[in-house]
Amino acid sequence: MEITHTDFDKLRELEESLWRAETRFDPEYMNRVLSPDFIEFGRSGRVYRREEIIAMSAGEIDATLKDFNARLIDTNVALVTYISEVKYAQIEIANRSSLWTRTNGRWQIRFHQGTPVAR
């Protein structure tokens, strides 16, 4: 099953929006993008629920996303993978994966996981 250019571009746009402060810390935007049952296994190992993500305090995000890939698992289910390089006191690298589902023509993220990469 091949992903269309339109879906690929939309999923990339949505995933990248989660790494921009103006959208990541906008509760209305996040309420639209996160599915009602969203869960995240963070790079730190911490588990985040939808409500926690939406309620996060604003901050700066300095991240680079590399090797972006998206593929359909089913007609309305996509797996997105990439590598993040996030700058804190040092650069933290992680393999990332997200599961997106399309409902009523709109993509929402249902699951995300960050796995640390040893340097």
PDB file of N, CA and C in Angstrom:
ATOM      1  N   MET A   1       0.850  -1.168   0.000  1.00  0.00           N
ATOM      2  CA  MET A   1       0.000   0.000   0.000  1.00  0.00           C
ATOM      3  C   MET A   1       0.901   1.238   0.000  1.00  0.00           C
ATOM      4  N   GLU A   2       0.779   2.036  -1.008  1.00  0.00           N
ATOM      5  CA  GLU A   2       1.614   3.236  -1.162  1.00  0.00           C
ATOM      6  C   GLU A   2       0.939   4.459  -0.538  1.00  0.00           C
ATOM      7  N   ILE A   3       1.742   5.280   0.112  1.00  0.00           N
ATOM      8  CA  ILE A   3       1.236   6.536   0.657  1.00  0.00           C
ATOM      9  C   ILE A   3       1.256   7.588  -0.449  1.00  0.00           C
ATOM     10  N   THR A   4       0.242   8.412  -0.523  1.00  0.00           N
ATOM     11  CA  THR A   4       0.213   9.471  -1.530  1.00  0.00           C
ATOM     12  C   THR A   4       1.149  10.609  -1.111  1.00  0.00           C
ATOM     13  N   HIS A   5       1.546  11.395  -2.077  1.00  0.00           N
ATOM     14  CA  HIS A   5       2.370  12.570  -1.768  1.00  0.00           C
ATOM     15  C   HIS A   5       1.610  13.518  -0.844  1.00  0.00           C
ATOM     16  N   THR A   6       0.316  13.633  -1.063  1.00  0.00           N
ATOM     17  CA  THR A   6      -0.515  14.514  -0.235  1.00  0.00           C
ATOM     18  C   THR A   6      -0.509  14.067   1.219  1.00  0.00           C
ATOM     19  N   ASP A   7      -0.715  12.781   1.459  1.00  0.00           N
ATOM     20  CA  ASP A   7      -0.703  12.270   2.835  1.00  0.00           C
ATOM     21  C   ASP A   7       0.686  12.372   3.452  1.00  0.00           C
ATOM     22  N   PHE A   8       1.712  12.031   2.676  1.00  0.00           N
ATOM     23  CA  PHE A   8       3.081  12.138   3.174  1.00  0.00           C
ATOM     24  C   PHE A   8       3.367  13.571   3.627  1.00  0.00           C
ATOM     25  N   ASP A   9       3.064  14.524   2.769  1.00  0.00           N
ATOM     26  CA  ASP A   9       3.321  15.929   3.091  1.00  0.00           C
ATOM     27  C   ASP A   9       2.515  16.396   4.299  1.00  0.00           C
ATOM     28  N   LYS A  10       1.267  15.966   4.396  1.00  0.00           N
ATOM     29  CA  LYS A  10       0.419  16.357   5.521  1.00  0.00           C
ATOM     30  C   LYS A  10       0.940  15.775   6.828  1.00  0.00           C
ATOM     31  N   LEU A  11       1.320  14.511   6.809  1.00  0.00           N
ATOM     32  CA  LEU A  11       1.855  13.885   8.013  1.00  0.00           C
ATOM     33  C   LEU A  11       3.165  14.530   8.444  1.00  0.00           C
ATOM     34  N   ARG A  12       3.990  14.877   7.490  1.00  0.00           N
ATOM     35  CA  ARG A  12       5.246  15.567   7.826  1.00  0.00           C
ATOM     36  C   ARG A  12       4.939  16.925   8.452  1.00  0.00           C
ATOM     37  N   GLU A  13       4.022  17.661   7.848  1.00  0.00           N
ATOM     38  CA  GLU A  13       3.624  18.972   8.375  1.00  0.00           C
ATOM     39  C   GLU A  13       3.093  18.839   9.806  1.00  0.00           C
ATOM     40  N   LEU A  14       2.238  17.862  10.038  1.00  0.00           N
ATOM     41  CA  LEU A  14       1.665  17.662  11.370  1.00  0.00           C
ATOM     42  C   LEU A  14       2.734  17.252  12.379  1.00  0.00           C
ATOM     43  N   GLU A  15       3.580  16.315  12.001  1.00  0.00           N
ATOM     44  CA  GLU A  15       4.636  15.857  12.921  1.00  0.00           C
ATOM     45  C   GLU A  15       5.583  17.004  13.263  1.00  0.00           C
ATOM     46  N   GLU A  16       5.982  17.773  12.268  1.00  0.00           N
ATOM     47  CA  GLU A  16       6.877  18.915  12.508  1.00  0.00           C
ATOM     48  C   GLU A  16       6.205  19.969  13.382  1.00  0.00           C
ATOM     49  N   SER A  17       4.886  20.097  13.278  1.00  0.00           N
ATOM     50  CA  SER A  17       4.177  21.087  14.097  1.00  0.00           C
ATOM     51  C   SER A  17       4.282  20.771  15.585  1.00  0.00           C
ATOM     52  N   LEU A  18       4.493  19.511  15.903  1.00  0.00           N
ATOM     53  CA  LEU A  18       4.629  19.111  17.303  1.00  0.00           C
ATOM     54  C   LEU A  18       5.975  19.526  17.882  1.00  0.00           C
ATOM     55  N   TRP A  19       6.862  19.997  17.041  1.00  0.00           N
ATOM     56  CA  TRP A  19       8.199  20.442  17.452  1.00  0.00           C
ATOM     57  C   TRP A  19       8.369  21.957  17.331  1.00  0.00           C
ATOM     58  N   ARG A  20       7.283  22.671  17.073  1.00  0.00           N
ATOM     59  CA  ARG A  20       7.325  24.143  17.013  1.00  0.00           C
ATOM     60  C   ARG A  20       6.539  24.701  18.192  1.00  0.00           C
ATOM     61  N   ALA A  21       7.132  25.607  18.931  1.00  0.00           N
ATOM     62  CA  ALA A  21       6.519  26.142  20.149  1.00  0.00           C
ATOM     63  C   ALA A  21       5.146  26.749  19.883  1.00  0.00           C
ATOM     64  N   GLU A  22       4.986  27.438  18.754  1.00  0.00           N
ATOM     65  CA  GLU A  22       3.713  28.128  18.497  1.00  0.00           C
ATOM     66  C   GLU A  22       2.542  27.166  18.309  1.00  0.00           C
ATOM     67  N   THR A  23       2.801  25.933  17.946  1.00  0.00           N
ATOM     68  CA  THR A  23       1.722  24.954  17.812  1.00  0.00           C
ATOM     69  C   THR A  23       1.732  23.949  18.968  1.00  0.00           C
ATOM     70  N   ARG A  24       2.902  23.544  19.412  1.00  0.00           N
ATOM     71  CA  ARG A  24       3.006  22.565  20.503  1.00  0.00           C
ATOM     72  C   ARG A  24       2.352  23.060  21.800  1.00  0.00           C
ATOM     73  N   PHE A  25       2.447  24.344  22.053  1.00  0.00           N
ATOM     74  CA  PHE A  25       1.917  24.891  23.296  1.00  0.00           C
ATOM     75  C   PHE A  25       0.601  25.651  23.094  1.00  0.00           C
ATOM     76  N   ASP A  26      -0.060  25.355  21.985  1.00  0.00           N
ATOM     77  CA  ASP A  26      -1.374  25.925  21.701  1.00  0.00           C
ATOM     78  C   ASP A  26      -2.416  24.848  22.024  1.00  0.00           C
ATOM     79  N   PRO A  27      -3.122  24.978  23.159  1.00  0.00           N
ATOM     80  CA  PRO A  27      -4.060  23.926  23.571  1.00  0.00           C
ATOM     81  C   PRO A  27      -5.140  23.624  22.536  1.00  0.00           C
ATOM     82  N   GLU A  28      -5.647  24.636  21.845  1.00  0.00           N
ATOM     83  CA  GLU A  28      -6.671  24.400  20.820  1.00  0.00           C
ATOM     84  C   GLU A  28      -6.113  23.552  19.679  1.00  0.00           C
ATOM     85  N   TYR A  29      -4.908  23.893  19.236  1.00  0.00           N
ATOM     86  CA  TYR A  29      -4.282  23.138  18.157  1.00  0.00           C
ATOM     87  C   TYR A  29      -4.031  21.694  18.599  1.00  0.00           C
ATOM     88  N   MET A  30      -3.451  21.525  19.774  1.00  0.00           N
ATOM     89  CA  MET A  30      -3.128  20.188  20.261  1.00  0.00           C
ATOM     90  C   MET A  30      -4.390  19.364  20.492  1.00  0.00           C
ATOM     91  N   ASN A  31      -5.451  20.009  20.905  1.00  0.00           N
ATOM     92  CA  ASN A  31      -6.717  19.317  21.101  1.00  0.00           C
ATOM     93  C   ASN A  31      -7.228  18.719  19.789  1.00  0.00           C
ATOM     94  N   ARG A  32      -6.960  19.402  18.684  1.00  0.00           N
ATOM     95  CA  ARG A  32      -7.368  18.907  17.359  1.00  0.00           C
ATOM     96  C   ARG A  32      -6.452  17.790  16.857  1.00  0.00           C
ATOM     97  N   VAL A  33      -5.166  17.896  17.165  1.00  0.00           N
ATOM     98  CA  VAL A  33      -4.175  16.978  16.596  1.00  0.00           C
ATOM     99  C   VAL A  33      -4.058  15.673  17.394  1.00  0.00           C
ATOM    100  N   LEU A  34      -4.189  15.743  18.703  1.00  0.00           N
ATOM    101  CA  LEU A  34      -4.069  14.541  19.529  1.00  0.00           C
ATOM    102  C   LEU A  34      -5.395  13.796  19.567  1.00  0.00           C
ATOM    103  N   SER A  35      -5.364  12.511  19.300  1.00  0.00           N
ATOM    104  CA  SER A  35      -6.593  11.720  19.383  1.00  0.00           C
ATOM    105  C   SER A  35      -7.014  11.611  20.853  1.00  0.00           C
ATOM    106  N   PRO A  36      -8.281  11.323  21.088  1.00  0.00           N
ATOM    107  CA  PRO A  36      -8.764  11.239  22.477  1.00  0.00           C
ATOM    108  C   PRO A  36      -8.002  10.219  23.332  1.00  0.00           C
ATOM    109  N   ASP A  37      -7.449   9.175  22.719  1.00  0.00           N
ATOM    110  CA  ASP A  37      -6.733   8.151  23.477  1.00  0.00           C
ATOM    111  C   ASP A  37      -5.209   8.245  23.329  1.00  0.00           C
ATOM    112  N   PHE A  38      -4.704   9.433  22.984  1.00  0.00           N
ATOM    113  CA  PHE A  38      -3.263   9.619  22.763  1.00  0.00           C
ATOM    114  C   PHE A  38      -2.446   9.230  23.990  1.00  0.00           C
ATOM    115  N   ILE A  39      -1.298   8.602  23.732  1.00  0.00           N
ATOM    116  CA  ILE A  39      -0.320   8.275  24.763  1.00  0.00           C
ATOM    117  C   ILE A  39       1.073   8.393  24.153  1.00  0.00           C
ATOM    118  N   GLU A  40       2.032   8.816  24.950  1.00  0.00           N
ATOM    119  CA  GLU A  40       3.418   8.941  24.493  1.00  0.00           C
ATOM    120  C   GLU A  40       4.344   8.256  25.472  1.00  0.00           C
ATOM    121  N   PHE A  41       5.288   7.493  24.928  1.00  0.00           N
ATOM    122  CA  PHE A  41       6.402   6.980  25.710  1.00  0.00           C
ATOM    123  C   PHE A  41       7.581   7.872  25.357  1.00  0.00           C
ATOM    124  N   GLY A  42       7.915   8.783  26.261  1.00  0.00           N
ATOM    125  CA  GLY A  42       8.950   9.774  25.991  1.00  0.00           C
ATOM    126  C   GLY A  42      10.345   9.178  25.949  1.00  0.00           C
ATOM    127  N   ARG A  43      11.264   9.935  25.405  1.00  0.00           N
ATOM    128  CA  ARG A  43      12.668   9.549  25.327  1.00  0.00           C
ATOM    129  C   ARG A  43      13.210   9.223  26.706  1.00  0.00           C
ATOM    130  N   SER A  44      12.708   9.919  27.703  1.00  0.00           N
ATOM    131  CA  SER A  44      13.146   9.742  29.088  1.00  0.00           C
ATOM    132  C   SER A  44      12.616   8.450  29.701  1.00  0.00           C
ATOM    133  N   GLY A  45      11.627   7.840  29.042  1.00  0.00           N
ATOM    134  CA  GLY A  45      10.978   6.667  29.599  1.00  0.00           C
ATOM    135  C   GLY A  45       9.668   7.017  30.286  1.00  0.00           C
ATOM    136  N   ARG A  46       9.419   8.297  30.450  1.00  0.00           N
ATOM    137  CA  ARG A  46       8.195   8.745  31.096  1.00  0.00           C
ATOM    138  C   ARG A  46       7.000   8.538  30.152  1.00  0.00           C
ATOM    139  N   VAL A  47       5.847   8.235  30.721  1.00  0.00           N
ATOM    140  CA  VAL A  47       4.619   8.075  29.959  1.00  0.00           C
ATOM    141  C   VAL A  47       3.801   9.359  30.087  1.00  0.00           C
ATOM    142  N   TYR A  48       3.378   9.896  28.947  1.00  0.00           N
ATOM    143  CA  TYR A  48       2.577  11.118  28.915  1.00  0.00           C
ATOM    144  C   TYR A  48       1.188  10.791  28.378  1.00  0.00           C
ATOM    145  N   ARG A  49       0.194  11.333  29.014  1.00  0.00           N
ATOM    146  CA  ARG A  49      -1.188  11.204  28.552  1.00  0.00           C
ATOM    147  C   ARG A  49      -1.590  12.492  27.826  1.00  0.00           C
ATOM    148  N   ARG A  50      -2.644  12.404  27.066  1.00  0.00           N
ATOM    149  CA  ARG A  50      -3.136  13.533  26.269  1.00  0.00           C
ATOM    150  C   ARG A  50      -3.291  14.804  27.095  1.00  0.00           C
ATOM    151  N   GLU A  51      -3.933  14.694  28.246  1.00  0.00           N
ATOM    152  CA  GLU A  51      -4.210  15.860  29.084  1.00  0.00           C
ATOM    153  C   GLU A  51      -2.920  16.546  29.540  1.00  0.00           C
ATOM    154  N   GLU A  52      -1.887  15.774  29.833  1.00  0.00           N
ATOM    155  CA  GLU A  52      -0.601  16.331  30.251  1.00  0.00           C
ATOM    156  C   GLU A  52       0.055  17.117  29.118  1.00  0.00           C
ATOM    157  N   ILE A  53      -0.013  16.565  27.928  1.00  0.00           N
ATOM    158  CA  ILE A  53       0.590  17.218  26.765  1.00  0.00           C
ATOM    159  C   ILE A  53      -0.111  18.551  26.493  1.00  0.00           C
ATOM    160  N   ILE A  54      -1.422  18.544  26.512  1.00  0.00           N
ATOM    161  CA  ILE A  54      -2.185  19.764  26.232  1.00  0.00           C
ATOM    162  C   ILE A  54      -1.938  20.826  27.295  1.00  0.00           C
ATOM    163  N   ALA A  55      -1.717  20.413  28.539  1.00  0.00           N
ATOM    164  CA  ALA A  55      -1.532  21.357  29.651  1.00  0.00           C
ATOM    165  C   ALA A  55      -0.089  21.821  29.842  1.00  0.00           C
ATOM    166  N   MET A  56       0.846  21.347  29.016  1.00  0.00           N
ATOM    167  CA  MET A  56       2.259  21.714  29.197  1.00  0.00           C
ATOM    168  C   MET A  56       2.461  23.215  29.104  1.00  0.00           C
ATOM    169  N   SER A  57       3.362  23.701  29.957  1.00  0.00           N
ATOM    170  CA  SER A  57       3.740  25.114  29.927  1.00  0.00           C
ATOM    171  C   SER A  57       4.580  25.389  28.691  1.00  0.00           C
ATOM    172  N   ALA A  58       4.409  26.565  28.144  1.00  0.00           N
ATOM    173  CA  ALA A  58       5.158  26.960  26.951  1.00  0.00           C
ATOM    174  C   ALA A  58       6.649  27.018  27.252  1.00  0.00           C
ATOM    175  N   GLY A  59       7.422  26.722  26.243  1.00  0.00           N
ATOM    176  CA  GLY A  59       8.873  26.775  26.343  1.00  0.00           C
ATOM    177  C   GLY A  59       9.459  26.846  24.949  1.00  0.00           C
ATOM    178  N   GLU A  60      10.772  26.891  24.913  1.00  0.00           N
ATOM    179  CA  GLU A  60      11.448  26.913  23.613  1.00  0.00           C
ATOM    180  C   GLU A  60      11.749  25.492  23.181  1.00  0.00           C
ATOM    181  N   ILE A  61      11.723  25.288  21.890  1.00  0.00           N
ATOM    182  CA  ILE A  61      12.067  23.989  21.318  1.00  0.00           C
ATOM    183  C   ILE A  61      13.126  24.221  20.259  1.00  0.00           C
ATOM    184  N   ASP A  62      14.264  23.568  20.428  1.00  0.00           N
ATOM    185  CA  ASP A  62      15.343  23.657  19.450  1.00  0.00           C
ATOM    186  C   ASP A  62      15.613  22.249  18.956  1.00  0.00           C
ATOM    187  N   ALA A  63      14.937  21.868  17.877  1.00  0.00           N
ATOM    188  CA  ALA A  63      15.023  20.490  17.390  1.00  0.00           C
ATOM    189  C   ALA A  63      15.226  20.445  15.891  1.00  0.00           C
ATOM    190  N   THR A  64      15.938  19.417  15.483  1.00  0.00           N
ATOM    191  CA  THR A  64      16.118  19.106  14.072  1.00  0.00           C
ATOM    192  C   THR A  64      15.588  17.696  13.862  1.00  0.00           C
ATOM    193  N   LEU A  65      14.791  17.522  12.826  1.00  0.00           N
ATOM    194  CA  LEU A  65      14.243  16.206  12.499  1.00  0.00           C
ATOM    195  C   LEU A  65      14.908  15.707  11.223  1.00  0.00           C
ATOM    196  N   LYS A  66      15.371  14.470  11.263  1.00  0.00           N
ATOM    197  CA  LYS A  66      16.087  13.896  10.124  1.00  0.00           C
ATOM    198  C   LYS A  66      15.477  12.559   9.727  1.00  0.00           C
ATOM    199  N   ASP A  67      15.740  12.160   8.492  1.00  0.00           N
ATOM    200  CA  ASP A  67      15.346  10.850   7.969  1.00  0.00           C
ATOM    201  C   ASP A  67      13.853  10.575   8.128  1.00  0.00           C
ATOM    202  N   PHE A  68      13.038  11.577   7.828  1.00  0.00           N
ATOM    203  CA  PHE A  68      11.583  11.446   7.956  1.00  0.00           C
ATOM    204  C   PHE A  68      11.054  10.406   6.979  1.00  0.00           C
ATOM    205  N   ASN A  69      10.202   9.522   7.492  1.00  0.00           N
ATOM    206  CA  ASN A  69       9.562   8.535   6.640  1.00  0.00           C
ATOM    207  C   ASN A  69       8.126   8.339   7.117  1.00  0.00           C
ATOM    208  N   ALA A  70       7.222   8.093   6.196  1.00  0.00           N
ATOM    209  CA  ALA A  70       5.836   7.800   6.531  1.00  0.00           C
ATOM    210  C   ALA A  70       5.364   6.704   5.600  1.00  0.00           C
ATOM    211  N   ARG A  71       4.649   5.728   6.182  1.00  0.00           N
ATOM    212  CA  ARG A  71       4.089   4.664   5.345  1.00  0.00           C
ATOM    213  C   ARG A  71       2.739   4.262   5.901  1.00  0.00           C
ATOM    214  N   LEU A  72       1.880   3.868   4.999  1.00  0.00           N
ATOM    215  CA  LEU A  72       0.556   3.420   5.404  1.00  0.00           C
ATOM    216  C   LEU A  72       0.636   1.998   5.939  1.00  0.00           C
ATOM    217  N   ILE A  73      -0.021   1.786   7.067  1.00  0.00           N
ATOM    218  CA  ILE A  73      -0.178   0.454   7.642  1.00  0.00           C
ATOM    219  C   ILE A  73      -1.502  -0.119   7.153  1.00  0.00           C
ATOM    220  N   ASP A  74      -2.477   0.759   7.018  1.00  0.00           N
ATOM    221  CA  ASP A  74      -3.803   0.457   6.495  1.00  0.00           C
ATOM    222  C   ASP A  74      -4.290   1.732   5.805  1.00  0.00           C
ATOM    223  N   THR A  75      -5.424   1.710   5.196  1.00  0.00           N
ATOM    224  CA  THR A  75      -5.920   2.867   4.454  1.00  0.00           C
ATOM    225  C   THR A  75      -5.907   4.149   5.280  1.00  0.00           C
ATOM    226  N   ASN A  76      -6.273   4.053   6.559  1.00  0.00           N
ATOM    227  CA  ASN A  76      -6.383   5.232   7.417  1.00  0.00           C
ATOM    228  C   ASN A  76      -5.462   5.182   8.629  1.00  0.00           C
ATOM    229  N   VAL A  77      -4.366   4.433   8.502  1.00  0.00           N
ATOM    230  CA  VAL A  77      -3.388   4.323   9.586  1.00  0.00           C
ATOM    231  C   VAL A  77      -1.996   4.481   8.988  1.00  0.00           C
ATOM    232  N   ALA A  78      -1.207   5.396   9.582  1.00  0.00           N
ATOM    233  CA  ALA A  78       0.140   5.632   9.071  1.00  0.00           C
ATOM    234  C   ALA A  78       1.159   5.547  10.204  1.00  0.00           C
ATOM    235  N   LEU A  79       2.321   5.000   9.874  1.00  0.00           N
ATOM    236  CA  LEU A  79       3.455   4.964  10.781  1.00  0.00           C
ATOM    237  C   LEU A  79       4.474   5.981  10.293  1.00  0.00           C
ATOM    238  N   VAL A  80       4.836   6.899  11.177  1.00  0.00           N
ATOM    239  CA  VAL A  80       5.829   7.921  10.870  1.00  0.00           C
ATOM    240  C   VAL A  80       7.071   7.631  11.709  1.00  0.00           C
ATOM    241  N   THR A  81       8.237   7.677  11.077  1.00  0.00           N
ATOM    242  CA  THR A  81       9.495   7.482  11.803  1.00  0.00           C
ATOM    243  C   THR A  81      10.487   8.566  11.392  1.00  0.00           C
ATOM    244  N   TYR A  82      11.360   8.926  12.330  1.00  0.00           N
ATOM    245  CA  TYR A  82      12.405   9.909  12.063  1.00  0.00           C
ATOM    246  C   TYR A  82      13.389   9.921  13.225  1.00  0.00           C
ATOM    247  N   ILE A  83      14.438  10.696  13.093  1.00  0.00           N
ATOM    248  CA  ILE A  83      15.428  10.898  14.144  1.00  0.00           C
ATOM    249  C   ILE A  83      15.327  12.350  14.589  1.00  0.00           C
ATOM    250  N   SER A  84      15.256  12.545  15.898  1.00  0.00           N
ATOM    251  CA  SER A  84      15.243  13.914  16.429  1.00  0.00           C
ATOM    252  C   SER A  84      16.586  14.213  17.072  1.00  0.00           C
ATOM    253  N   GLU A  85      17.026  15.441  16.877  1.00  0.00           N
ATOM    254  CA  GLU A  85      18.198  15.975  17.578  1.00  0.00           C
ATOM    255  C   GLU A  85      17.713  17.222  18.299  1.00  0.00           C
ATOM    256  N   VAL A  86      17.585  17.107  19.623  1.00  0.00           N
ATOM    257  CA  VAL A  86      17.038  18.188  20.435  1.00  0.00           C
ATOM    258  C   VAL A  86      18.151  18.769  21.278  1.00  0.00           C
ATOM    259  N   LYS A  87      18.272  20.097  21.226  1.00  0.00           N
ATOM    260  CA  LYS A  87      19.331  20.770  21.957  1.00  0.00           C
ATOM    261  C   LYS A  87      18.813  21.252  23.309  1.00  0.00           C
ATOM    262  N   TYR A  88      19.381  20.699  24.356  1.00  0.00           N
ATOM    263  CA  TYR A  88      19.171  21.168  25.724  1.00  0.00           C
ATOM    264  C   TYR A  88      20.539  21.676  26.168  1.00  0.00           C
ATOM    265  N   ALA A  89      21.072  21.202  27.276  1.00  0.00           N
ATOM    266  CA  ALA A  89      22.451  21.534  27.656  1.00  0.00           C
ATOM    267  C   ALA A  89      23.405  20.883  26.658  1.00  0.00           C
ATOM    268  N   GLN A  90      22.972  19.767  26.118  1.00  0.00           N
ATOM    269  CA  GLN A  90      23.695  19.076  25.053  1.00  0.00           C
ATOM    270  C   GLN A  90      22.660  18.578  24.052  1.00  0.00           C
ATOM    271  N   ILE A  91      23.121  18.003  22.970  1.00  0.00           N
ATOM    272  CA  ILE A  91      22.180  17.488  21.964  1.00  0.00           C
ATOM    273  C   ILE A  91      21.796  16.071  22.333  1.00  0.00           C
ATOM    274  N   GLU A  92      20.483  15.833  22.405  1.00  0.00           N
ATOM    275  CA  GLU A  92      19.945  14.507  22.697  1.00  0.00           C
ATOM    276  C   GLU A  92      19.321  13.957  21.419  1.00  0.00           C
ATOM    277  N   ILE A  93      19.767  12.775  21.044  1.00  0.00           N
ATOM    278  CA  ILE A  93      19.303  12.140  19.809  1.00  0.00           C
ATOM    279  C   ILE A  93      18.362  10.995  20.165  1.00  0.00           C
ATOM    280  N   ALA A  94      17.286  10.867  19.394  1.00  0.00           N
ATOM    281  CA  ALA A  94      16.338   9.782  19.627  1.00  0.00           C
ATOM    282  C   ALA A  94      15.747   9.295  18.317  1.00  0.00           C
ATOM    283  N   ASN A  95      15.487   8.017  18.256  1.00  0.00           N
ATOM    284  CA  ASN A  95      14.662   7.463  17.186  1.00  0.00           C
ATOM    285  C   ASN A  95      13.216   7.710  17.594  1.00  0.00           C
ATOM    286  N   ARG A  96      12.405   8.190  16.677  1.00  0.00           N
ATOM    287  CA  ARG A  96      11.020   8.546  16.972  1.00  0.00           C
ATOM    288  C   ARG A  96      10.078   7.763  16.074  1.00  0.00           C
ATOM    289  N   SER A  97       8.931   7.410  16.646  1.00  0.00           N
ATOM    290  CA  SER A  97       7.874   6.799  15.845  1.00  0.00           C
ATOM    291  C   SER A  97       6.531   7.308  16.336  1.00  0.00           C
ATOM    292  N   SER A  98       5.638   7.513  15.396  1.00  0.00           N
ATOM    293  CA  SER A  98       4.295   7.985  15.697  1.00  0.00           C
ATOM    294  C   SER A  98       3.294   7.181  14.891  1.00  0.00           C
ATOM    295  N   LEU A  99       2.164   6.909  15.515  1.00  0.00           N
ATOM    296  CA  LEU A  99       1.070   6.239  14.842  1.00  0.00           C
ATOM    297  C   LEU A  99      -0.041   7.265  14.656  1.00  0.00           C
ATOM    298  N   TRP A 100      -0.412   7.505  13.409  1.00  0.00           N
ATOM    299  CA  TRP A 100      -1.444   8.475  13.047  1.00  0.00           C
ATOM    300  C   TRP A 100      -2.640   7.733  12.461  1.00  0.00           C
ATOM    301  N   THR A 101      -3.842   8.179  12.814  1.00  0.00           N
ATOM    302  CA  THR A 101      -5.057   7.611  12.229  1.00  0.00           C
ATOM    303  C   THR A 101      -5.880   8.725  11.591  1.00  0.00           C
ATOM    304  N   ARG A 102      -6.512   8.377  10.495  1.00  0.00           N
ATOM    305  CA  ARG A 102      -7.349   9.353   9.793  1.00  0.00           C
ATOM    306  C   ARG A 102      -8.815   9.036  10.104  1.00  0.00           C
ATOM    307  N   THR A 103      -9.488  10.039  10.682  1.00  0.00           N
ATOM    308  CA  THR A 103     -10.902   9.909  11.017  1.00  0.00           C
ATOM    309  C   THR A 103     -11.632  11.097  10.421  1.00  0.00           C
ATOM    310  N   ASN A 104     -12.685  10.828   9.693  1.00  0.00           N
ATOM    311  CA  ASN A 104     -13.455  11.893   9.029  1.00  0.00           C
ATOM    312  C   ASN A 104     -12.544  12.800   8.188  1.00  0.00           C
ATOM    313  N   GLY A 105     -11.575  12.189   7.509  1.00  0.00           N
ATOM    314  CA  GLY A 105     -10.690  12.928   6.618  1.00  0.00           C
ATOM    315  C   GLY A 105      -9.587  13.714   7.297  1.00  0.00           C
ATOM    316  N   ARG A 106      -9.430  13.570   8.619  1.00  0.00           N
ATOM    317  CA  ARG A 106      -8.435  14.361   9.362  1.00  0.00           C
ATOM    318  C   ARG A 106      -7.483  13.428  10.110  1.00  0.00           C
ATOM    319  N   TRP A 107      -6.179  13.678   9.971  1.00  0.00           N
ATOM    320  CA  TRP A 107      -5.172  12.886  10.662  1.00  0.00           C
ATOM    321  C   TRP A 107      -5.044  13.345  12.114  1.00  0.00           C
ATOM    322  N   GLN A 108      -4.959  12.351  13.017  1.00  0.00           N
ATOM    323  CA  GLN A 108      -4.691  12.615  14.427  1.00  0.00           C
ATOM    324  C   GLN A 108      -3.638  11.620  14.902  1.00  0.00           C
ATOM    325  N   ILE A 109      -2.774  12.099  15.801  1.00  0.00           N
ATOM    326  CA  ILE A 109      -1.754  11.227  16.358  1.00  0.00           C
ATOM    327  C   ILE A 109      -2.347  10.464  17.542  1.00  0.00           C
ATOM    328  N   ARG A 110      -2.090   9.146  17.569  1.00  0.00           N
ATOM    329  CA  ARG A 110      -2.627   8.296  18.644  1.00  0.00           C
ATOM    330  C   ARG A 110      -1.546   7.813  19.577  1.00  0.00           C
ATOM    331  N   PHE A 111      -0.322   7.671  19.030  1.00  0.00           N
ATOM    332  CA  PHE A 111       0.771   7.125  19.836  1.00  0.00           C
ATOM    333  C   PHE A 111       2.083   7.719  19.355  1.00  0.00           C
ATOM    334  N   HIS A 112       2.985   7.985  20.301  1.00  0.00           N
ATOM    335  CA  HIS A 112       4.330   8.456  19.954  1.00  0.00           C
ATOM    336  C   HIS A 112       5.323   7.829  20.903  1.00  0.00           C
ATOM    337  N   GLN A 113       6.496   7.508  20.369  1.00  0.00           N
ATOM    338  CA  GLN A 113       7.566   6.967  21.204  1.00  0.00           C
ATOM    339  C   GLN A 113       8.897   7.547  20.777  1.00  0.00           C
ATOM    340  N   GLY A 114       9.694   7.918  21.788  1.00  0.00           N
ATOM    341  CA  GLY A 114      11.063   8.353  21.565  1.00  0.00           C
ATOM    342  C   GLY A 114      12.007   7.386  22.258  1.00  0.00           C
ATOM    343  N   THR A 115      12.977   6.869  21.499  1.00  0.00           N
ATOM    344  CA  THR A 115      13.952   5.922  22.050  1.00  0.00           C
ATOM    345  C   THR A 115      15.336   6.561  21.962  1.00  0.00           C
ATOM    346  N   PRO A 116      16.026   6.711  23.104  1.00  0.00           N
ATOM    347  CA  PRO A 116      17.341   7.350  23.075  1.00  0.00           C
ATOM    348  C   PRO A 116      18.329   6.605  22.181  1.00  0.00           C
ATOM    349  N   VAL A 117      19.181   7.379  21.535  1.00  0.00           N
ATOM    350  CA  VAL A 117      20.266   6.812  20.721  1.00  0.00           C
ATOM    351  C   VAL A 117      21.566   7.099  21.453  1.00  0.00           C
ATOM    352  N   ALA A 118      22.321   6.055  21.747  1.00  0.00           N
ATOM    353  CA  ALA A 118      23.614   6.244  22.418  1.00  0.00           C
ATOM    354  C   ALA A 118      24.593   6.890  21.466  1.00  0.00           C
ATOM    355  N   ARG A 119      25.413   7.776  22.021  1.00  0.00           N
ATOM    356  CA  ARG A 119      26.406   8.451  21.162  1.00  0.00           C
ATOM    357  C   ARG A 119      27.775   7.905  21.398  1.00  0.00           C
TER     358      ARG A 119
END
